[in-house]
């Protein structure tokens, strides 16, 4: 069974940075994609970045520039480097692992890590 656990959130001041981690345990296979999402209070869940098993990265146009996704294959861990954080970046940051196994798709979510940006 695959589990996904996020970490690295916290309380920061505007302009600061955080590196969030998403670690997957278990056999995630060779065909997958990790994505980071943000759930802000009163707003829809928002896609921030995606990285595939081949290392291809994708960012929504609105997210390009301040957030960078990367992965460590040996650790089954994906990172989201956030920079120049602003109060509107406050929310729960969630990691999703989408896997393809024998023609079937599996989606695993973590519990999220809270990021609060406040002066």
Protein backbone atom coordinates (compact mmCIF):
# COMPACT_ATOMS: atom_id res chain seq x y z
CA UNK A 1 0.00 0.00 0.00
CA UNK A 2 1.29 3.42 -0.95
CA UNK A 3 1.15 6.32 1.48
CA UNK A 4 2.01 9.95 0.90
CA UNK A 5 3.19 12.26 3.68
CA UNK A 6 3.88 15.98 3.38
CA UNK A 7 6.13 18.03 5.65
CA UNK A 8 7.95 21.33 5.80
CA UNK A 9 5.14 23.79 6.36
CA UNK A 10 5.19 26.49 8.97
CA UNK A 11 4.67 30.15 9.75
CA UNK A 12 6.81 32.59 7.77
CA UNK A 13 6.90 36.30 7.09
CA UNK A 14 6.15 37.81 3.67
CA UNK A 15 9.10 37.47 1.32
CA UNK A 16 10.47 34.34 2.97
CA UNK A 17 10.81 30.87 1.50
CA UNK A 18 9.93 27.31 2.45
CA UNK A 19 10.83 23.93 1.03
CA UNK A 20 7.99 21.44 1.28
CA UNK A 21 8.54 17.70 1.06
CA UNK A 22 6.29 14.89 -0.09
CA UNK A 23 7.50 11.37 0.67
CA UNK A 24 5.83 8.29 -0.76
CA UNK A 25 6.23 4.94 0.92
CA UNK A 26 5.70 1.61 -0.78
CA UNK A 27 6.15 0.59 -4.39
CA UNK A 28 5.13 3.54 -6.54
CA UNK A 29 6.14 1.82 -9.77
CA UNK A 30 7.73 3.41 -12.82
CA UNK A 31 4.81 5.35 -14.30
CA UNK A 32 3.59 8.13 -12.05
CA UNK A 33 3.19 11.84 -11.50
CA UNK A 34 3.44 13.85 -8.31
CA UNK A 35 1.50 17.09 -8.02
CA UNK A 36 1.34 19.80 -5.41
CA UNK A 37 -1.94 21.54 -4.69
CA UNK A 38 -2.94 24.36 -2.37
CA UNK A 39 -6.20 24.55 -0.45
CA UNK A 40 -6.78 28.06 0.84
CA UNK A 41 -9.69 28.92 3.16
CA UNK A 42 -12.84 29.55 1.16
CA UNK A 43 -11.17 28.84 -2.17
CA UNK A 44 -11.03 25.96 -4.60
CA UNK A 45 -8.11 23.56 -4.50
CA UNK A 46 -5.43 24.95 -6.80
CA UNK A 47 -2.81 23.03 -8.79
CA UNK A 48 0.69 24.39 -8.22
CA UNK A 49 3.11 22.05 -9.99
CA UNK A 50 3.51 18.55 -11.43
CA UNK A 51 6.51 16.31 -12.03
CA UNK A 52 6.38 12.98 -13.82
CA UNK A 53 8.39 9.80 -13.39
CA UNK A 54 10.44 10.91 -16.40
CA UNK A 55 11.22 14.21 -14.74
CA UNK A 56 8.97 16.38 -16.86
CA UNK A 57 7.74 19.42 -14.98
CA UNK A 58 4.62 21.43 -15.54
CA UNK A 59 3.36 24.60 -13.87
CA UNK A 60 0.09 26.43 -14.41
CA UNK A 61 0.77 29.84 -15.95
CA UNK A 62 -0.30 31.55 -12.74
CA UNK A 63 2.36 29.65 -10.75
CA UNK A 64 5.38 30.06 -12.97
CA UNK A 65 8.33 31.81 -11.38
CA UNK A 66 8.03 31.49 -7.59
CA UNK A 67 7.55 27.75 -7.11
CA UNK A 68 9.90 24.99 -8.24
CA UNK A 69 9.18 21.26 -8.12
CA UNK A 70 11.91 18.62 -8.00
CA UNK A 71 12.30 14.99 -6.98
CA UNK A 72 14.74 12.60 -5.40
CA UNK A 73 14.13 9.19 -6.92
CA UNK A 74 16.23 7.38 -4.35
CA UNK A 75 14.08 8.75 -1.55
CA UNK A 76 10.72 8.62 -3.38
CA UNK A 77 10.44 12.25 -2.35
CA UNK A 78 9.24 15.30 -4.19
CA UNK A 79 9.97 18.84 -3.12
CA UNK A 80 8.26 22.16 -3.68
CA UNK A 81 10.57 25.10 -3.23
CA UNK A 82 8.52 28.21 -2.58
CA UNK A 83 9.98 31.71 -2.69
CA UNK A 84 8.79 35.24 -2.02
CA UNK A 85 5.81 33.96 -0.10
CA UNK A 86 2.89 36.33 0.37
CA UNK A 87 -0.15 36.22 2.68
CA UNK A 88 -2.27 34.95 -0.21
CA UNK A 89 -0.04 31.85 -0.32
CA UNK A 90 -1.44 30.79 3.03
CA UNK A 91 -3.19 27.44 2.98
CA UNK A 92 -2.80 23.70 3.25
CA UNK A 93 -0.34 22.33 0.72
CA UNK A 94 -1.28 18.86 -0.45
CA UNK A 95 0.63 16.26 -2.41
CA UNK A 96 -1.00 13.88 -4.86
CA UNK A 97 0.57 10.80 -6.37
CA UNK A 98 -1.09 9.51 -9.53
CA UNK A 99 0.12 6.05 -10.52
CA UNK A 100 -0.53 3.76 -13.47
CA UNK A 101 -0.34 0.06 -12.62
CA UNK A 102 -1.34 -2.65 -15.11
CA UNK A 103 -3.58 -0.25 -16.97
CA UNK A 104 -5.31 1.06 -13.87
CA UNK A 105 -4.92 4.48 -12.30
CA UNK A 106 -4.43 5.01 -8.59
CA UNK A 107 -4.54 8.35 -6.80
CA UNK A 108 -3.05 8.83 -3.34
CA UNK A 109 -3.31 12.01 -1.28
CA UNK A 110 -1.43 13.11 1.78
CA UNK A 111 -2.95 14.93 4.75
CA UNK A 112 -1.27 18.19 3.80
CA UNK A 113 1.09 20.60 5.48
CA UNK A 114 -0.01 24.05 6.64
CA UNK A 115 1.75 27.15 5.35
CA UNK A 116 0.92 30.46 6.98
CA UNK A 117 2.40 33.70 5.70
CA UNK A 118 1.91 36.55 8.11
CA UNK A 119 3.75 39.59 9.36
